[in-house]
Amino acid sequence: MDYNRHNAKAAWEYLTKRSPEVLVVGANTGKDCSYFVEFGAKSVVGLDVIDEVGSEFSHPKVTYLHESAEAMTSIADESFDLVYCYATMEHVPNIEAAFAEMARVVKKGGIIYSLAAPLWRSPIGHHMGEFTASPWIHLVKSQEEIVEYAIQNNLFTTSKRARDVVAYMLNPTFFNMRPSSQYTAACEKLSGLQFVHNEILNEDRRLLDHPNAKAALARGIPEADLLGVTHRLVAAKLLDDGRMPIRNTGGIRMVARLKKKVRSIF
C-alpha cells in the first residue's frame, strides 16, 4: 500500500470545498503535493526546510517554499482550505509553534490534518527499520552499544555505515525527541478549532515484555510514551457563526462550537 497516498486521500475526504487550496507541511521532494494535484486541488504549496524541497515533482499548480513549519513567514492568515502534514512533526523541534502556525494559515471552514509517526519514545522512534528486532534500543543503550549491536548482527554493509546511521538516529537535529503527551497538549492550547481527532495511537502493550521496554520503564519513562507511536490531529477551523461543516461517512454534518475546552480523544 502507498501509505502516503492513502493518508493524503483520507485528509481530502474531510473537505467540503471543490478545488481547494492546499498547503503541504513537510513537502520533502514533492511526492505528497502530487497527490493533491491528482485529486483536483486548485493550487498546492509545498513547504519544507530541506534544500531539495520539491525537486522531484513540478507542476503549474504547485509552488514550493523553503521555510520552517514553525515560522511560515511567507504565508498570510487563513490562506488554505487544507493544511496537510504527514510524518513531519516528529522532526520539528518546536511543535507548539508549528501547530499554531497551521491553525493560523488554515481558512475558516478549512481542515488541519496531521499525522506524526513514529514518535521518538515508541519502539522504532529513531525511524531505522534495521533495529526492529531490538525495540527501544535508542532509549536504553549508548551510541557505542548500538553500533556494536549493529555490527554484531550485520545490520549494515560496513562498520562505517553502522556508525553513520547510529549517529544520525541519535542526533537531535533530525528528531525532536518529544514525549507523546506533549503533542496532544500542544494542540489543546489552540483556539478556534473543533477537534475531530487529537489523539495518540498506541502499539500493542504486549511489547512491554521486551527487556528494552523493562529497562526504559526502570529509567522512569512512562508506559504511555513507550507505546505511543502516532499522533493524529484532525481539526476544523470554526466559521464565524461557530459551526463547522465537515465530511464523514454519512456525508456533511454541522458541528456546533464546544462551550468548554476540547480534550484529547483516546
Protein backbone atom coordinates (compact mmCIF):
# COMPACT_ATOMS: atom_id res chain seq x y z
CA MET A 1 0.00 0.00 0.00
CA ASP A 2 1.12 3.56 -0.77
CA TYR A 3 0.63 4.97 2.74
CA ASN A 4 1.49 8.49 1.61
CA ARG A 5 -1.30 8.49 -0.94
CA HIS A 6 -3.68 6.71 1.45
CA ASN A 7 -3.25 9.41 4.09
CA ALA A 8 -3.48 12.24 1.56
CA LYS A 9 -6.78 10.76 0.36
CA ALA A 10 -8.03 10.44 3.94
CA ALA A 11 -7.34 14.14 4.50
CA TRP A 12 -9.01 15.04 1.20
CA GLU A 13 -12.21 13.25 2.25
CA TYR A 14 -12.75 15.74 5.08
CA LEU A 15 -13.03 18.67 2.67
CA THR A 16 -16.35 20.11 1.56
CA LYS A 17 -14.97 22.64 -0.94
CA ARG A 18 -14.31 21.72 -4.53
CA SER A 19 -10.94 22.74 -5.96
CA PRO A 20 -9.43 23.62 -2.58
CA GLU A 21 -6.17 25.42 -1.91
CA VAL A 22 -3.79 23.06 -0.11
CA LEU A 23 -0.66 23.52 2.00
CA VAL A 24 1.64 20.53 2.44
CA VAL A 25 3.84 21.00 5.52
CA GLY A 26 6.94 18.85 5.20
CA ALA A 27 6.64 18.50 1.42
CA ASN A 28 10.11 16.98 1.04
CA THR A 29 10.84 16.42 -2.65
CA GLY A 30 7.19 16.86 -3.65
CA LYS A 31 5.53 13.45 -3.69
CA ASP A 32 2.71 14.41 -1.33
CA CYS A 33 1.98 17.53 -3.41
CA SER A 34 1.45 15.32 -6.45
CA TYR A 35 -1.49 13.55 -4.79
CA PHE A 36 -3.42 16.75 -4.23
CA VAL A 37 -2.90 17.80 -7.83
CA GLU A 38 -4.27 14.38 -8.81
CA PHE A 39 -7.29 14.79 -6.53
CA GLY A 40 -8.21 18.15 -8.08
CA ALA A 41 -6.75 20.90 -5.90
CA LYS A 42 -6.92 24.43 -7.25
CA SER A 43 -3.40 25.08 -6.03
CA VAL A 44 -0.81 23.44 -3.79
CA VAL A 45 2.00 24.98 -1.76
CA GLY A 46 4.73 22.65 -0.51
CA LEU A 47 6.80 23.82 2.45
CA ASP A 48 10.00 22.31 3.84
CA VAL A 49 13.36 23.32 5.33
CA ILE A 50 15.38 21.00 3.09
CA ASP A 51 17.24 22.48 0.13
CA GLU A 52 15.76 19.80 -2.14
CA VAL A 53 12.14 20.79 -1.45
CA GLY A 54 10.04 19.96 -4.49
CA SER A 55 12.97 18.68 -6.54
CA GLU A 56 11.14 15.55 -7.76
CA PHE A 57 7.73 16.99 -8.67
CA SER A 58 6.90 20.13 -10.58
CA HIS A 59 3.50 21.25 -11.83
CA PRO A 60 1.90 24.58 -12.78
CA LYS A 61 -0.43 24.30 -9.77
CA VAL A 62 2.40 23.75 -7.27
CA THR A 63 4.64 26.30 -5.56
CA TYR A 64 7.40 25.43 -3.09
CA LEU A 65 8.63 27.41 -0.11
CA HIS A 66 11.92 26.85 1.70
CA GLU A 67 10.57 27.68 5.17
CA SER A 68 10.04 26.09 8.57
CA ALA A 69 6.73 24.80 9.88
CA GLU A 70 7.47 26.85 12.99
CA ALA A 71 7.56 30.16 11.10
CA MET A 72 5.63 30.29 7.83
CA THR A 73 6.67 33.87 7.19
CA SER A 74 5.59 34.00 3.54
CA ILE A 75 2.03 32.81 4.22
CA ALA A 76 -0.83 35.11 5.18
CA ASP A 77 -3.50 34.25 7.74
CA GLU A 78 -6.33 31.97 6.58
CA SER A 79 -4.83 31.08 3.19
CA PHE A 80 -5.65 27.37 2.79
CA ASP A 81 -8.67 25.08 2.78
CA LEU A 82 -6.49 22.14 3.82
CA VAL A 83 -3.25 22.14 5.80
CA TYR A 84 -1.73 18.68 5.48
CA CYS A 85 1.25 17.33 7.40
CA TYR A 86 2.38 13.71 7.26
CA ALA A 87 5.39 12.12 9.02
CA THR A 88 6.90 15.54 9.69
CA MET A 89 6.02 16.84 13.15
CA GLU A 90 8.21 14.26 14.89
CA HIS A 91 11.17 16.08 13.33
CA VAL A 92 10.07 19.63 14.24
CA PRO A 93 11.69 20.96 17.45
CA ASN A 94 9.00 23.49 18.42
CA ILE A 95 5.78 21.58 17.84
CA GLU A 96 3.78 24.22 19.73
CA ALA A 97 4.82 26.90 17.25
CA ALA A 98 4.23 24.63 14.25
CA PHE A 99 0.71 23.64 15.29
CA ALA A 100 -0.07 27.30 15.99
CA GLU A 101 1.13 28.22 12.51
CA MET A 102 -1.08 25.55 10.96
CA ALA A 103 -4.06 26.95 12.85
CA ARG A 104 -3.17 30.47 11.69
CA VAL A 105 -2.91 29.74 7.97
CA VAL A 106 -5.96 27.47 7.60
CA LYS A 107 -9.12 29.21 6.42
CA LYS A 108 -12.32 29.33 8.42
CA GLY A 109 -14.15 26.25 7.30
CA GLY A 110 -10.85 24.55 6.49
CA ILE A 111 -9.20 21.40 7.81
CA ILE A 112 -5.88 20.65 9.52
CA TYR A 113 -4.79 17.04 9.03
CA SER A 114 -1.56 15.97 10.72
CA LEU A 115 -0.08 12.53 11.37
CA ALA A 116 3.24 12.31 13.21
CA ALA A 117 4.88 8.88 13.43
CA PRO A 118 6.78 7.08 14.72
CA LEU A 119 7.10 9.24 17.83
CA TRP A 120 10.51 9.27 19.50
CA ARG A 121 9.83 7.08 22.52
CA SER A 122 7.98 4.40 20.54
CA PRO A 123 9.78 1.14 19.64
CA ILE A 124 11.43 2.48 16.47
CA GLY A 125 11.11 6.19 17.16
CA HIS A 126 14.54 6.64 15.56
CA HIS A 127 12.96 5.63 12.17
CA MET A 128 15.56 2.97 11.38
CA GLY A 129 13.81 -0.28 10.46
CA GLU A 130 17.03 -2.27 10.72
CA PHE A 131 16.64 -2.20 14.51
CA THR A 132 13.09 -3.60 14.61
CA ALA A 133 14.30 -6.72 16.45
CA SER A 134 15.58 -4.53 19.28
CA PRO A 135 12.73 -2.08 20.05
CA TRP A 136 13.55 0.96 22.16
CA ILE A 137 17.28 0.37 21.75
CA HIS A 138 17.76 4.12 21.27
CA LEU A 139 16.33 4.81 24.74
CA VAL A 140 18.36 2.32 26.76
CA LYS A 141 21.71 1.82 25.01
CA SER A 142 24.62 4.19 24.43
CA GLN A 143 25.70 5.16 20.93
CA GLU A 144 28.66 2.78 21.05
CA GLU A 145 26.49 -0.07 22.33
CA ILE A 146 24.05 0.43 19.45
CA VAL A 147 26.89 0.49 16.93
CA GLU A 148 28.28 -2.73 18.41
CA TYR A 149 24.81 -4.35 18.22
CA ALA A 150 24.50 -3.31 14.56
CA ILE A 151 27.93 -4.71 13.66
CA GLN A 152 27.43 -7.98 15.52
CA ASN A 153 24.07 -8.53 13.80
CA ASN A 154 25.30 -7.49 10.33
CA LEU A 155 22.62 -4.83 10.00
CA PHE A 156 24.70 -2.74 7.59
CA THR A 157 27.26 -3.49 4.90
CA THR A 158 30.18 -1.83 6.71
CA SER A 159 31.05 -0.72 10.22
CA LYS A 160 31.36 2.86 8.93
CA ARG A 161 27.80 2.70 7.62
CA ALA A 162 26.65 1.43 11.02
CA ARG A 163 28.37 4.31 12.80
CA ASP A 164 26.95 6.88 10.38
CA VAL A 165 23.38 5.57 10.74
CA VAL A 166 23.53 5.41 14.53
CA ALA A 167 25.00 8.92 14.71
CA TYR A 168 22.11 10.15 12.54
CA MET A 169 19.38 8.42 14.52
CA LEU A 170 20.61 9.84 17.84
CA ASN A 171 21.09 13.38 16.52
CA PRO A 172 18.55 15.86 17.97
CA THR A 173 18.93 17.95 14.82
CA PHE A 174 16.83 15.35 13.00
CA PHE A 175 14.40 14.19 15.70
CA ASN A 176 12.66 16.36 18.27
CA MET A 177 12.69 13.57 20.90
CA ARG A 178 9.45 14.91 22.42
CA PRO A 179 7.21 12.62 24.52
CA SER A 180 3.85 11.75 23.01
CA SER A 181 1.81 13.62 25.64
CA GLN A 182 3.28 16.93 24.50
CA TYR A 183 1.67 16.60 21.07
CA THR A 184 -1.89 16.43 22.36
CA ALA A 185 -1.16 19.12 24.96
CA ALA A 186 0.18 21.47 22.28
CA CYS A 187 -2.98 21.07 20.22
CA GLU A 188 -5.30 21.56 23.19
CA LYS A 189 -3.92 25.09 23.54
CA LEU A 190 -5.14 26.07 20.07
CA SER A 191 -8.28 28.19 19.90
CA GLY A 192 -10.96 28.49 17.23
CA LEU A 193 -10.82 24.82 16.25
CA GLN A 194 -13.20 21.90 16.50
CA PHE A 195 -11.21 18.71 17.09
CA VAL A 196 -12.28 15.59 15.25
CA HIS A 197 -9.17 13.77 16.50
CA ASN A 198 -6.39 14.84 18.83
CA GLU A 199 -5.08 11.53 19.99
CA ILE A 200 -2.16 9.18 20.45
CA LEU A 201 -2.39 5.80 18.73
CA ASN A 202 -0.62 3.05 20.63
CA GLU A 203 1.46 -0.04 19.95
CA ASP A 204 0.45 -3.43 21.36
CA ARG A 205 1.00 -3.42 25.12
CA ARG A 206 2.47 -6.93 24.94
CA LEU A 207 5.64 -5.40 23.52
CA LEU A 208 6.42 -4.17 27.02
CA ASP A 209 7.63 -7.68 27.85
CA HIS A 210 10.79 -6.92 25.86
CA PRO A 211 13.91 -6.37 28.02
CA ASN A 212 14.49 -2.95 26.46
CA ALA A 213 11.00 -1.86 27.47
CA LYS A 214 11.59 -3.03 31.02
CA ALA A 215 14.88 -1.12 31.08
CA ALA A 216 13.16 2.02 29.79
CA LEU A 217 10.44 1.74 32.43
CA ALA A 218 13.14 1.33 35.08
CA ARG A 219 14.64 4.61 33.86
CA GLY A 220 11.35 6.34 34.55
CA ILE A 221 9.99 6.62 31.01
CA PRO A 222 6.18 6.34 31.23
CA GLU A 223 4.46 3.36 29.67
CA ALA A 224 2.22 5.69 27.67
CA ASP A 225 5.25 7.19 25.95
CA LEU A 226 6.77 3.81 25.15
CA LEU A 227 3.57 2.69 23.43
CA GLY A 228 2.52 5.98 21.84
CA VAL A 229 3.57 5.61 18.20
CA THR A 230 1.39 8.10 16.29
CA HIS A 231 -0.14 11.49 16.98
CA ARG A 232 -3.25 12.14 14.90
CA LEU A 233 -4.72 15.62 14.60
CA VAL A 234 -7.80 16.32 12.52
CA ALA A 235 -9.30 19.71 13.28
CA ALA A 236 -11.73 22.06 11.58
CA LYS A 237 -11.47 25.83 11.88
CA LEU A 238 -14.77 27.22 13.07
CA LEU A 239 -16.88 29.52 10.95
CA ASP A 240 -17.87 32.94 12.25
CA ASP A 241 -21.23 31.57 13.41
CA GLY A 242 -19.45 28.92 15.47
CA ARG A 243 -20.34 26.00 13.26
CA MET A 244 -18.18 23.82 11.09
CA PRO A 245 -19.20 21.62 8.14
CA ILE A 246 -17.04 18.52 7.84
CA ARG A 247 -17.34 15.39 5.74
CA ASN A 248 -17.76 11.96 7.30
CA THR A 249 -19.08 8.60 6.12
CA GLY A 250 -22.63 9.93 6.34
CA GLY A 251 -21.95 12.97 4.20
CA ILE A 252 -21.90 16.53 5.54
CA ARG A 253 -22.82 17.41 9.09
CA MET A 254 -22.71 20.63 11.06
CA VAL A 255 -20.58 20.60 14.20
CA ALA A 256 -21.55 23.11 16.89
CA ARG A 257 -18.96 25.12 18.79
CA LEU A 258 -17.99 23.48 22.06
CA LYS A 259 -18.52 25.78 25.02
CA LYS A 260 -15.87 24.10 27.12
CA LYS A 261 -12.27 23.30 26.25
CA VAL A 262 -11.91 20.35 23.89
CA ARG A 263 -9.95 17.49 25.41
CA SER A 264 -7.96 14.78 23.70
CA ILE A 265 -9.94 11.88 22.28
CA PHE A 266 -8.46 8.47 23.09
